[in-house]
Amino acid sequence: MIWVFSHLLRHKQGQSRRERIARAVQELGDLTQHHLCGRPRNRARAEEWIKVTSILEARRVTKERWQIRSQVDEEAIAYDLKSDGMYPLLSNDLSLTPRQVLEAHKRQPVIE
């Protein structure tokens, strides 16, 4: 197995993560604004980077309301950032050098 680093892939992965986090934060803000109860749905698929908690607040003696609070998990983002841009290449030809495996991988669309 050979690990390859791509600046373009790293940029795309970082941009995708930022967009999904922003979308999730917006959706959670919309839920809070509309006073929705129940379990919040994280449709942006960013749950690994955002921690969500729900808090029951007593507004009056007779009325309670759920609030949703979220916090971006900077540690999880930093952890994932370390592997952005990396991808593995597998080969069963042990005579090839890592550079040759990468070159063969780059020619693969032409070969197929």
PDB file of N, CA and C in Angstrom:
ATOM      1  N   MET A   1       0.848  -1.162   0.000  1.00  0.00           N
ATOM      2  CA  MET A   1       0.000   0.000   0.000  1.00  0.00           C
ATOM      3  C   MET A   1       0.900   1.234   0.000  1.00  0.00           C
ATOM      4  N   ILE A   2       0.548   2.175  -0.830  1.00  0.00           N
ATOM      5  CA  ILE A   2       1.300   3.419  -0.942  1.00  0.00           C
ATOM      6  C   ILE A   2       0.333   4.559  -0.654  1.00  0.00           C
ATOM      7  N   TRP A   3       0.741   5.477   0.226  1.00  0.00           N
ATOM      8  CA  TRP A   3      -0.094   6.636   0.536  1.00  0.00           C
ATOM      9  C   TRP A   3       0.366   7.813  -0.314  1.00  0.00           C
ATOM     10  N   VAL A   4      -0.590   8.465  -0.961  1.00  0.00           N
ATOM     11  CA  VAL A   4      -0.313   9.584  -1.857  1.00  0.00           C
ATOM     12  C   VAL A   4      -0.966  10.833  -1.292  1.00  0.00           C
ATOM     13  N   PHE A   5      -0.293  11.976  -1.433  1.00  0.00           N
ATOM     14  CA  PHE A   5      -0.850  13.253  -0.997  1.00  0.00           C
ATOM     15  C   PHE A   5      -1.179  14.100  -2.215  1.00  0.00           C
ATOM     16  N   SER A   6      -2.372  14.687  -2.212  1.00  0.00           N
ATOM     17  CA  SER A   6      -2.806  15.558  -3.300  1.00  0.00           C
ATOM     18  C   SER A   6      -3.260  16.886  -2.723  1.00  0.00           C
ATOM     19  N   HIS A   7      -2.638  17.983  -3.155  1.00  0.00           N
ATOM     20  CA  HIS A   7      -3.049  19.310  -2.701  1.00  0.00           C
ATOM     21  C   HIS A   7      -4.478  19.616  -3.142  1.00  0.00           C
ATOM     22  N   LEU A   8      -4.822  19.219  -4.366  1.00  0.00           N
ATOM     23  CA  LEU A   8      -6.175  19.461  -4.875  1.00  0.00           C
ATOM     24  C   LEU A   8      -7.214  18.701  -4.051  1.00  0.00           C
ATOM     25  N   LEU A   9      -6.936  17.437  -3.749  1.00  0.00           N
ATOM     26  CA  LEU A   9      -7.857  16.643  -2.934  1.00  0.00           C
ATOM     27  C   LEU A   9      -7.997  17.258  -1.548  1.00  0.00           C
ATOM     28  N   ARG A  10      -6.873  17.711  -0.960  1.00  0.00           N
ATOM     29  CA  ARG A  10      -6.927  18.343   0.356  1.00  0.00           C
ATOM     30  C   ARG A  10      -7.815  19.586   0.323  1.00  0.00           C
ATOM     31  N   HIS A  11      -7.672  20.391  -0.721  1.00  0.00           N
ATOM     32  CA  HIS A  11      -8.497  21.594  -0.856  1.00  0.00           C
ATOM     33  C   HIS A  11      -9.973  21.224  -0.982  1.00  0.00           C
ATOM     34  N   LYS A  12     -10.279  20.242  -1.818  1.00  0.00           N
ATOM     35  CA  LYS A  12     -11.678  19.820  -2.014  1.00  0.00           C
ATOM     36  C   LYS A  12     -12.283  19.273  -0.723  1.00  0.00           C
ATOM     37  N   GLN A  13     -11.520  18.460   0.012  1.00  0.00           N
ATOM     38  CA  GLN A  13     -12.028  17.894   1.262  1.00  0.00           C
ATOM     39  C   GLN A  13     -12.266  18.986   2.295  1.00  0.00           C
ATOM     40  N   GLY A  14     -11.352  19.933   2.404  1.00  0.00           N
ATOM     41  CA  GLY A  14     -11.528  21.032   3.350  1.00  0.00           C
ATOM     42  C   GLY A  14     -12.722  21.895   2.990  1.00  0.00           C
ATOM     43  N   GLN A  15     -12.883  22.211   1.712  1.00  0.00           N
ATOM     44  CA  GLN A  15     -14.013  23.025   1.261  1.00  0.00           C
ATOM     45  C   GLN A  15     -15.336  22.305   1.519  1.00  0.00           C
ATOM     46  N   SER A  16     -15.378  21.019   1.222  1.00  0.00           N
ATOM     47  CA  SER A  16     -16.594  20.233   1.459  1.00  0.00           C
ATOM     48  C   SER A  16     -16.955  20.219   2.941  1.00  0.00           C
ATOM     49  N   ARG A  17     -15.953  20.030   3.804  1.00  0.00           N
ATOM     50  CA  ARG A  17     -16.206  20.015   5.243  1.00  0.00           C
ATOM     51  C   ARG A  17     -16.735  21.370   5.706  1.00  0.00           C
ATOM     52  N   ARG A  18     -16.103  22.460   5.253  1.00  0.00           N
ATOM     53  CA  ARG A  18     -16.559  23.804   5.652  1.00  0.00           C
ATOM     54  C   ARG A  18     -17.999  24.054   5.207  1.00  0.00           C
ATOM     55  N   GLU A  19     -18.341  23.646   3.985  1.00  0.00           N
ATOM     56  CA  GLU A  19     -19.702  23.837   3.469  1.00  0.00           C
ATOM     57  C   GLU A  19     -20.718  23.011   4.264  1.00  0.00           C
ATOM     58  N   ARG A  20     -20.371  21.768   4.591  1.00  0.00           N
ATOM     59  CA  ARG A  20     -21.293  20.916   5.347  1.00  0.00           C
ATOM     60  C   ARG A  20     -21.484  21.432   6.763  1.00  0.00           C
ATOM     61  N   ILE A  21     -20.410  21.930   7.381  1.00  0.00           N
ATOM     62  CA  ILE A  21     -20.534  22.501   8.730  1.00  0.00           C
ATOM     63  C   ILE A  21     -21.417  23.739   8.686  1.00  0.00           C
ATOM     64  N   ALA A  22     -21.186  24.619   7.712  1.00  0.00           N
ATOM     65  CA  ALA A  22     -21.989  25.843   7.603  1.00  0.00           C
ATOM     66  C   ALA A  22     -23.460  25.508   7.383  1.00  0.00           C
ATOM     67  N   ARG A  23     -23.731  24.517   6.535  1.00  0.00           N
ATOM     68  CA  ARG A  23     -25.116  24.114   6.268  1.00  0.00           C
ATOM     69  C   ARG A  23     -25.759  23.527   7.526  1.00  0.00           C
ATOM     70  N   ALA A  24     -25.007  22.714   8.266  1.00  0.00           N
ATOM     71  CA  ALA A  24     -25.539  22.114   9.497  1.00  0.00           C
ATOM     72  C   ALA A  24     -25.814  23.185  10.545  1.00  0.00           C
ATOM     73  N   VAL A  25     -24.903  24.128  10.698  1.00  0.00           N
ATOM     74  CA  VAL A  25     -25.110  25.215  11.664  1.00  0.00           C
ATOM     75  C   VAL A  25     -26.349  26.030  11.277  1.00  0.00           C
ATOM     76  N   GLN A  26     -26.525  26.294   9.972  1.00  0.00           N
ATOM     77  CA  GLN A  26     -27.704  27.032   9.504  1.00  0.00           C
ATOM     78  C   GLN A  26     -28.982  26.245   9.799  1.00  0.00           C
ATOM     79  N   GLU A  27     -28.976  24.954   9.520  1.00  0.00           N
ATOM     80  CA  GLU A  27     -30.165  24.130   9.776  1.00  0.00           C
ATOM     81  C   GLU A  27     -30.491  24.083  11.268  1.00  0.00           C
ATOM     82  N   LEU A  28     -29.464  23.954  12.108  1.00  0.00           N
ATOM     83  CA  LEU A  28     -29.697  23.941  13.549  1.00  0.00           C
ATOM     84  C   LEU A  28     -30.232  25.295  14.013  1.00  0.00           C
ATOM     85  N   GLY A  29     -29.721  26.374  13.437  1.00  0.00           N
ATOM     86  CA  GLY A  29     -30.240  27.699  13.758  1.00  0.00           C
ATOM     87  C   GLY A  29     -31.691  27.842  13.348  1.00  0.00           C
ATOM     88  N   ASP A  30     -32.052  27.280  12.193  1.00  0.00           N
ATOM     89  CA  ASP A  30     -33.444  27.319  11.741  1.00  0.00           C
ATOM     90  C   ASP A  30     -34.350  26.542  12.695  1.00  0.00           C
ATOM     91  N   LEU A  31     -33.868  25.392  13.172  1.00  0.00           N
ATOM     92  CA  LEU A  31     -34.657  24.610  14.119  1.00  0.00           C
ATOM     93  C   LEU A  31     -34.899  25.401  15.402  1.00  0.00           C
ATOM     94  N   THR A  32     -33.861  26.037  15.891  1.00  0.00           N
ATOM     95  CA  THR A  32     -33.991  26.832  17.111  1.00  0.00           C
ATOM     96  C   THR A  32     -34.960  27.979  16.890  1.00  0.00           C
ATOM     97  N   GLN A  33     -34.853  28.619  15.751  1.00  0.00           N
ATOM     98  CA  GLN A  33     -35.704  29.765  15.451  1.00  0.00           C
ATOM     99  C   GLN A  33     -37.172  29.372  15.367  1.00  0.00           C
ATOM    100  N   HIS A  34     -37.447  28.220  14.864  1.00  0.00           N
ATOM    101  CA  HIS A  34     -38.842  27.775  14.703  1.00  0.00           C
ATOM    102  C   HIS A  34     -39.366  27.022  15.921  1.00  0.00           C
ATOM    103  N   HIS A  35     -38.561  26.912  16.959  1.00  0.00           N
ATOM    104  CA  HIS A  35     -38.971  26.277  18.218  1.00  0.00           C
ATOM    105  C   HIS A  35     -39.464  24.852  18.001  1.00  0.00           C
ATOM    106  N   LEU A  36     -38.730  24.101  17.193  1.00  0.00           N
ATOM    107  CA  LEU A  36     -39.114  22.720  16.959  1.00  0.00           C
ATOM    108  C   LEU A  36     -38.666  21.866  18.125  1.00  0.00           C
ATOM    109  N   CYS A  37     -39.481  20.917  18.476  1.00  0.00           N
ATOM    110  CA  CYS A  37     -39.154  19.998  19.576  1.00  0.00           C
ATOM    111  C   CYS A  37     -38.709  18.661  18.996  1.00  0.00           C
ATOM    112  N   GLY A  38     -38.192  17.827  19.845  1.00  0.00           N
ATOM    113  CA  GLY A  38     -37.790  16.490  19.439  1.00  0.00           C
ATOM    114  C   GLY A  38     -36.322  16.447  19.071  1.00  0.00           C
ATOM    115  N   ARG A  39     -35.942  15.352  18.515  1.00  0.00           N
ATOM    116  CA  ARG A  39     -34.538  15.121  18.191  1.00  0.00           C
ATOM    117  C   ARG A  39     -34.173  15.894  16.919  1.00  0.00           C
ATOM    118  N   PRO A  40     -33.129  16.715  16.965  1.00  0.00           N
ATOM    119  CA  PRO A  40     -32.739  17.464  15.774  1.00  0.00           C
ATOM    120  C   PRO A  40     -32.108  16.552  14.731  1.00  0.00           C
ATOM    121  N   ARG A  41     -32.392  16.830  13.481  1.00  0.00           N
ATOM    122  CA  ARG A  41     -31.792  16.062  12.398  1.00  0.00           C
ATOM    123  C   ARG A  41     -30.655  16.867  11.808  1.00  0.00           C
ATOM    124  N   ASN A  42     -29.565  16.203  11.608  1.00  0.00           N
ATOM    125  CA  ASN A  42     -28.389  16.848  11.043  1.00  0.00           C
ATOM    126  C   ASN A  42     -28.297  16.397   9.595  1.00  0.00           C
ATOM    127  N   ARG A  43     -29.050  17.065   8.704  1.00  0.00           N
ATOM    128  CA  ARG A  43     -29.140  16.643   7.315  1.00  0.00           C
ATOM    129  C   ARG A  43     -27.886  16.958   6.519  1.00  0.00           C
ATOM    130  N   ALA A  44     -27.032  17.810   7.017  1.00  0.00           N
ATOM    131  CA  ALA A  44     -25.848  18.215   6.271  1.00  0.00           C
ATOM    132  C   ALA A  44     -24.723  17.191   6.385  1.00  0.00           C
ATOM    133  N   ARG A  45     -24.926  16.126   7.130  1.00  0.00           N
ATOM    134  CA  ARG A  45     -23.927  15.077   7.333  1.00  0.00           C
ATOM    135  C   ARG A  45     -22.633  15.655   7.875  1.00  0.00           C
ATOM    136  N   ALA A  46     -22.758  16.462   8.917  1.00  0.00           N
ATOM    137  CA  ALA A  46     -21.591  17.063   9.550  1.00  0.00           C
ATOM    138  C   ALA A  46     -21.551  16.725  11.025  1.00  0.00           C
ATOM    139  N   GLU A  47     -22.227  15.649  11.420  1.00  0.00           N
ATOM    140  CA  GLU A  47     -22.359  15.331  12.839  1.00  0.00           C
ATOM    141  C   GLU A  47     -21.039  15.013  13.526  1.00  0.00           C
ATOM    142  N   GLU A  48     -20.026  14.637  12.742  1.00  0.00           N
ATOM    143  CA  GLU A  48     -18.741  14.334  13.382  1.00  0.00           C
ATOM    144  C   GLU A  48     -17.980  15.591  13.784  1.00  0.00           C
ATOM    145  N   TRP A  49     -18.402  16.747  13.259  1.00  0.00           N
ATOM    146  CA  TRP A  49     -17.708  17.998  13.566  1.00  0.00           C
ATOM    147  C   TRP A  49     -18.538  18.956  14.408  1.00  0.00           C
ATOM    148  N   ILE A  50     -19.791  18.617  14.695  1.00  0.00           N
ATOM    149  CA  ILE A  50     -20.657  19.504  15.467  1.00  0.00           C
ATOM    150  C   ILE A  50     -21.293  18.711  16.597  1.00  0.00           C
ATOM    151  N   LYS A  51     -21.159  19.207  17.807  1.00  0.00           N
ATOM    152  CA  LYS A  51     -21.787  18.568  18.958  1.00  0.00           C
ATOM    153  C   LYS A  51     -23.117  19.285  19.216  1.00  0.00           C
ATOM    154  N   VAL A  52     -24.196  18.517  19.314  1.00  0.00           N
ATOM    155  CA  VAL A  52     -25.528  19.079  19.506  1.00  0.00           C
ATOM    156  C   VAL A  52     -26.085  18.595  20.833  1.00  0.00           C
ATOM    157  N   THR A  53     -26.618  19.510  21.602  1.00  0.00           N
ATOM    158  CA  THR A  53     -27.296  19.157  22.843  1.00  0.00           C
ATOM    159  C   THR A  53     -28.644  19.850  22.858  1.00  0.00           C
ATOM    160  N   SER A  54     -29.587  19.246  23.524  1.00  0.00           N
ATOM    161  CA  SER A  54     -30.896  19.889  23.689  1.00  0.00           C
ATOM    162  C   SER A  54     -31.091  20.158  25.176  1.00  0.00           C
ATOM    163  N   ILE A  55     -31.625  21.318  25.467  1.00  0.00           N
ATOM    164  CA  ILE A  55     -31.770  21.773  26.841  1.00  0.00           C
ATOM    165  C   ILE A  55     -33.223  22.141  27.072  1.00  0.00           C
ATOM    166  N   LEU A  56     -33.796  21.599  28.136  1.00  0.00           N
ATOM    167  CA  LEU A  56     -35.168  21.921  28.488  1.00  0.00           C
ATOM    168  C   LEU A  56     -35.160  23.159  29.371  1.00  0.00           C
ATOM    169  N   GLU A  57     -35.809  24.196  28.874  1.00  0.00           N
ATOM    170  CA  GLU A  57     -35.852  25.464  29.598  1.00  0.00           C
ATOM    171  C   GLU A  57     -37.243  25.691  30.161  1.00  0.00           C
ATOM    172  N   ALA A  58     -37.318  26.144  31.376  1.00  0.00           N
ATOM    173  CA  ALA A  58     -38.613  26.497  31.965  1.00  0.00           C
ATOM    174  C   ALA A  58     -38.822  27.996  31.772  1.00  0.00           C
ATOM    175  N   ARG A  59     -39.780  28.356  30.929  1.00  0.00           N
ATOM    176  CA  ARG A  59     -40.065  29.764  30.669  1.00  0.00           C
ATOM    177  C   ARG A  59     -41.004  30.331  31.730  1.00  0.00           C
ATOM    178  N   ARG A  60     -42.012  29.595  31.991  1.00  0.00           N
ATOM    179  CA  ARG A  60     -42.949  29.950  33.056  1.00  0.00           C
ATOM    180  C   ARG A  60     -43.142  28.703  33.900  1.00  0.00           C
ATOM    181  N   VAL A  61     -43.848  28.850  34.944  1.00  0.00           N
ATOM    182  CA  VAL A  61     -44.088  27.700  35.808  1.00  0.00           C
ATOM    183  C   VAL A  61     -44.828  26.607  35.047  1.00  0.00           C
ATOM    184  N   THR A  62     -45.710  26.974  34.128  1.00  0.00           N
ATOM    185  CA  THR A  62     -46.541  25.987  33.436  1.00  0.00           C
ATOM    186  C   THR A  62     -46.062  25.639  32.042  1.00  0.00           C
ATOM    187  N   LYS A  63     -45.036  26.336  31.545  1.00  0.00           N
ATOM    188  CA  LYS A  63     -44.622  26.086  30.173  1.00  0.00           C
ATOM    189  C   LYS A  63     -43.116  25.839  30.093  1.00  0.00           C
ATOM    190  N   GLU A  64     -42.769  24.762  29.425  1.00  0.00           N
ATOM    191  CA  GLU A  64     -41.374  24.447  29.184  1.00  0.00           C
ATOM    192  C   GLU A  64     -41.157  24.374  27.681  1.00  0.00           C
ATOM    193  N   ARG A  65     -39.943  24.656  27.274  1.00  0.00           N
ATOM    194  CA  ARG A  65     -39.642  24.640  25.851  1.00  0.00           C
ATOM    195  C   ARG A  65     -38.235  24.099  25.652  1.00  0.00           C
ATOM    196  N   TRP A  66     -38.075  23.279  24.627  1.00  0.00           N
ATOM    197  CA  TRP A  66     -36.760  22.728  24.301  1.00  0.00           C
ATOM    198  C   TRP A  66     -35.984  23.733  23.460  1.00  0.00           C
ATOM    199  N   GLN A  67     -34.720  23.846  23.746  1.00  0.00           N
ATOM    200  CA  GLN A  67     -33.830  24.646  22.923  1.00  0.00           C
ATOM    201  C   GLN A  67     -32.704  23.757  22.423  1.00  0.00           C
ATOM    202  N   ILE A  68     -32.212  24.069  21.240  1.00  0.00           N
ATOM    203  CA  ILE A  68     -31.114  23.310  20.655  1.00  0.00           C
ATOM    204  C   ILE A  68     -29.874  24.189  20.689  1.00  0.00           C
ATOM    205  N   ARG A  69     -28.812  23.646  21.196  1.00  0.00           N
ATOM    206  CA  ARG A  69     -27.535  24.356  21.199  1.00  0.00           C
ATOM    207  C   ARG A  69     -26.513  23.495  20.476  1.00  0.00           C
ATOM    208  N   SER A  70     -25.671  24.143  19.714  1.00  0.00           N
ATOM    209  CA  SER A  70     -24.645  23.390  18.989  1.00  0.00           C
ATOM    210  C   SER A  70     -23.305  24.093  19.134  1.00  0.00           C
ATOM    211  N   GLN A  71     -22.269  23.307  18.963  1.00  0.00           N
ATOM    212  CA  GLN A  71     -20.915  23.837  19.065  1.00  0.00           C
ATOM    213  C   GLN A  71     -20.049  23.078  18.074  1.00  0.00           C
ATOM    214  N   VAL A  72     -19.325  23.813  17.247  1.00  0.00           N
ATOM    215  CA  VAL A  72     -18.431  23.179  16.289  1.00  0.00           C
ATOM    216  C   VAL A  72     -17.278  22.545  17.063  1.00  0.00           C
ATOM    217  N   ASP A  73     -17.016  21.286  16.775  1.00  0.00           N
ATOM    218  CA  ASP A  73     -15.974  20.527  17.458  1.00  0.00           C
ATOM    219  C   ASP A  73     -14.643  20.739  16.740  1.00  0.00           C
ATOM    220  N   GLU A  74     -13.892  21.731  17.173  1.00  0.00           N
ATOM    221  CA  GLU A  74     -12.626  22.090  16.530  1.00  0.00           C
ATOM    222  C   GLU A  74     -11.604  20.952  16.610  1.00  0.00           C
ATOM    223  N   GLU A  75     -11.633  20.166  17.679  1.00  0.00           N
ATOM    224  CA  GLU A  75     -10.697  19.039  17.796  1.00  0.00           C
ATOM    225  C   GLU A  75     -10.953  17.994  16.720  1.00  0.00           C
ATOM    226  N   ALA A  76     -12.231  17.701  16.450  1.00  0.00           N
ATOM    227  CA  ALA A  76     -12.570  16.718  15.412  1.00  0.00           C
ATOM    228  C   ALA A  76     -12.163  17.234  14.032  1.00  0.00           C
ATOM    229  N   ILE A  77     -12.351  18.523  13.803  1.00  0.00           N
ATOM    230  CA  ILE A  77     -11.948  19.107  12.526  1.00  0.00           C
ATOM    231  C   ILE A  77     -10.429  19.032  12.370  1.00  0.00           C
ATOM    232  N   ALA A  78      -9.700  19.392  13.418  1.00  0.00           N
ATOM    233  CA  ALA A  78      -8.234  19.347  13.372  1.00  0.00           C
ATOM    234  C   ALA A  78      -7.741  17.921  13.137  1.00  0.00           C
ATOM    235  N   TYR A  79      -8.403  16.938  13.744  1.00  0.00           N
ATOM    236  CA  TYR A  79      -8.025  15.537  13.564  1.00  0.00           C
ATOM    237  C   TYR A  79      -8.202  15.124  12.107  1.00  0.00           C
ATOM    238  N   ASP A  80      -9.358  15.466  11.521  1.00  0.00           N
ATOM    239  CA  ASP A  80      -9.610  15.101  10.124  1.00  0.00           C
ATOM    240  C   ASP A  80      -8.711  15.870   9.163  1.00  0.00           C
ATOM    241  N   LEU A  81      -8.364  17.083   9.504  1.00  0.00           N
ATOM    242  CA  LEU A  81      -7.509  17.901   8.656  1.00  0.00           C
ATOM    243  C   LEU A  81      -6.144  17.245   8.428  1.00  0.00           C
ATOM    244  N   LYS A  82      -5.674  16.488   9.411  1.00  0.00           N
ATOM    245  CA  LYS A  82      -4.374  15.835   9.296  1.00  0.00           C
ATOM    246  C   LYS A  82      -4.327  14.822   8.149  1.00  0.00           C
ATOM    247  N   SER A  83      -5.460  14.232   7.795  1.00  0.00           N
ATOM    248  CA  SER A  83      -5.465  13.226   6.731  1.00  0.00           C
ATOM    249  C   SER A  83      -6.053  13.752   5.426  1.00  0.00           C
ATOM    250  N   ASP A  84      -6.452  15.019   5.382  1.00  0.00           N
ATOM    251  CA  ASP A  84      -6.971  15.577   4.132  1.00  0.00           C
ATOM    252  C   ASP A  84      -5.913  15.490   3.043  1.00  0.00           C
ATOM    253  N   GLY A  85      -6.339  15.115   1.872  1.00  0.00           N
ATOM    254  CA  GLY A  85      -5.438  15.034   0.734  1.00  0.00           C
ATOM    255  C   GLY A  85      -4.733  13.708   0.582  1.00  0.00           C
ATOM    256  N   MET A  86      -4.899  12.804   1.540  1.00  0.00           N
ATOM    257  CA  MET A  86      -4.216  11.508   1.483  1.00  0.00           C
ATOM    258  C   MET A  86      -5.160  10.440   0.937  1.00  0.00           C
ATOM    259  N   TYR A  87      -4.608   9.582   0.099  1.00  0.00           N
ATOM    260  CA  TYR A  87      -5.369   8.423  -0.353  1.00  0.00           C
ATOM    261  C   TYR A  87      -4.408   7.271  -0.635  1.00  0.00           C
ATOM    262  N   PRO A  88      -4.877   6.042  -0.425  1.00  0.00           N
ATOM    263  CA  PRO A  88      -3.992   4.887  -0.619  1.00  0.00           C
ATOM    264  C   PRO A  88      -4.066   4.346  -2.040  1.00  0.00           C
ATOM    265  N   LEU A  89      -2.969   3.828  -2.502  1.00  0.00           N
ATOM    266  CA  LEU A  89      -2.924   3.081  -3.759  1.00  0.00           C
ATOM    267  C   LEU A  89      -2.455   1.670  -3.421  1.00  0.00           C
ATOM    268  N   LEU A  90      -3.159   0.698  -3.930  1.00  0.00           N
ATOM    269  CA  LEU A  90      -2.806  -0.703  -3.689  1.00  0.00           C
ATOM    270  C   LEU A  90      -2.302  -1.325  -4.984  1.00  0.00           C
ATOM    271  N   SER A  91      -1.290  -2.144  -4.863  1.00  0.00           N
ATOM    272  CA  SER A  91      -0.747  -2.846  -6.022  1.00  0.00           C
ATOM    273  C   SER A  91      -0.274  -4.221  -5.583  1.00  0.00           C
ATOM    274  N   ASN A  92      -0.476  -5.203  -6.459  1.00  0.00           N
ATOM    275  CA  ASN A  92       0.038  -6.549  -6.163  1.00  0.00           C
ATOM    276  C   ASN A  92       1.342  -6.806  -6.914  1.00  0.00           C
ATOM    277  N   ASP A  93       1.834  -5.793  -7.625  1.00  0.00           N
ATOM    278  CA  ASP A  93       3.113  -5.915  -8.338  1.00  0.00           C
ATOM    279  C   ASP A  93       4.214  -5.349  -7.452  1.00  0.00           C
ATOM    280  N   LEU A  94       4.924  -6.239  -6.760  1.00  0.00           N
ATOM    281  CA  LEU A  94       5.954  -5.816  -5.809  1.00  0.00           C
ATOM    282  C   LEU A  94       7.224  -5.292  -6.490  1.00  0.00           C
ATOM    283  N   SER A  95       7.318  -5.447  -7.803  1.00  0.00           N
ATOM    284  CA  SER A  95       8.513  -4.965  -8.503  1.00  0.00           C
ATOM    285  C   SER A  95       8.429  -3.468  -8.806  1.00  0.00           C
ATOM    286  N   LEU A  96       7.253  -2.868  -8.661  1.00  0.00           N
ATOM    287  CA  LEU A  96       7.077  -1.439  -8.954  1.00  0.00           C
ATOM    288  C   LEU A  96       7.497  -0.581  -7.772  1.00  0.00           C
ATOM    289  N   THR A  97       8.125   0.532  -8.078  1.00  0.00           N
ATOM    290  CA  THR A  97       8.454   1.515  -7.043  1.00  0.00           C
ATOM    291  C   THR A  97       7.193   2.331  -6.742  1.00  0.00           C
ATOM    292  N   PRO A  98       7.154   3.039  -5.611  1.00  0.00           N
ATOM    293  CA  PRO A  98       5.991   3.880  -5.331  1.00  0.00           C
ATOM    294  C   PRO A  98       5.697   4.873  -6.462  1.00  0.00           C
ATOM    295  N   ARG A  99       6.737   5.468  -7.060  1.00  0.00           N
ATOM    296  CA  ARG A  99       6.524   6.404  -8.171  1.00  0.00           C
ATOM    297  C   ARG A  99       5.873   5.699  -9.372  1.00  0.00           C
ATOM    298  N   GLN A 100       6.305   4.476  -9.679  1.00  0.00           N
ATOM    299  CA  GLN A 100       5.736   3.726 -10.794  1.00  0.00           C
ATOM    300  C   GLN A 100       4.277   3.371 -10.531  1.00  0.00           C
ATOM    301  N   VAL A 101       3.958   3.039  -9.283  1.00  0.00           N
ATOM    302  CA  VAL A 101       2.551   2.741  -8.938  1.00  0.00           C
ATOM    303  C   VAL A 101       1.702   3.985  -9.152  1.00  0.00           C
ATOM    304  N   LEU A 102       2.200   5.146  -8.711  1.00  0.00           N
ATOM    305  CA  LEU A 102       1.459   6.398  -8.901  1.00  0.00           C
ATOM    306  C   LEU A 102       1.296   6.715 -10.381  1.00  0.00           C
ATOM    307  N   GLU A 103       2.341   6.548 -11.172  1.00  0.00           N
ATOM    308  CA  GLU A 103       2.255   6.814 -12.610  1.00  0.00           C
ATOM    309  C   GLU A 103       1.258   5.873 -13.286  1.00  0.00           C
ATOM    310  N   ALA A 104       1.266   4.606 -12.883  1.00  0.00           N
ATOM    311  CA  ALA A 104       0.301   3.650 -13.435  1.00  0.00           C
ATOM    312  C   ALA A 104      -1.119   4.052 -13.046  1.00  0.00           C
ATOM    313  N   HIS A 105      -1.294   4.528 -11.829  1.00  0.00           N
ATOM    314  CA  HIS A 105      -2.612   4.976 -11.359  1.00  0.00           C
ATOM    315  C   HIS A 105      -3.101   6.166 -12.196  1.00  0.00           C
ATOM    316  N   LYS A 106      -2.192   7.098 -12.483  1.00  0.00           N
ATOM    317  CA  LYS A 106      -2.562   8.276 -13.277  1.00  0.00           C
ATOM    318  C   LYS A 106      -2.932   7.912 -14.705  1.00  0.00           C
ATOM    319  N   ARG A 107      -2.350   6.826 -15.246  1.00  0.00           N
ATOM    320  CA  ARG A 107      -2.666   6.384 -16.613  1.00  0.00           C
ATOM    321  C   ARG A 107      -3.895   5.489 -16.660  1.00  0.00           C
ATOM    322  N   GLN A 108      -4.423   5.100 -15.519  1.00  0.00           N
ATOM    323  CA  GLN A 108      -5.517   4.121 -15.470  1.00  0.00           C
ATOM    324  C   GLN A 108      -6.718   4.505 -16.330  1.00  0.00           C
ATOM    325  N   PRO A 109      -7.214   5.748 -16.308  1.00  0.00           N
ATOM    326  CA  PRO A 109      -8.363   6.071 -17.175  1.00  0.00           C
ATOM    327  C   PRO A 109      -8.082   5.852 -18.660  1.00  0.00           C
ATOM    328  N   VAL A 110      -6.828   6.080 -19.090  1.00  0.00           N
ATOM    329  CA  VAL A 110      -6.455   5.868 -20.495  1.00  0.00           C
ATOM    330  C   VAL A 110      -6.430   4.380 -20.804  1.00  0.00           C
ATOM    331  N   ILE A 111      -5.918   3.596 -19.857  1.00  0.00           N
ATOM    332  CA  ILE A 111      -5.823   2.148 -20.056  1.00  0.00           C
ATOM    333  C   ILE A 111      -7.194   1.520 -20.149  1.00  0.00           C
ATOM    334  N   GLU A 112      -8.102   1.947 -19.288  1.00  0.00           N
ATOM    335  CA  GLU A 112      -9.449   1.363 -19.262  1.00  0.00           C
ATOM    336  C   GLU A 112     -10.250   1.872 -20.415  1.00  0.00           C
TER     337      GLU A 112
END
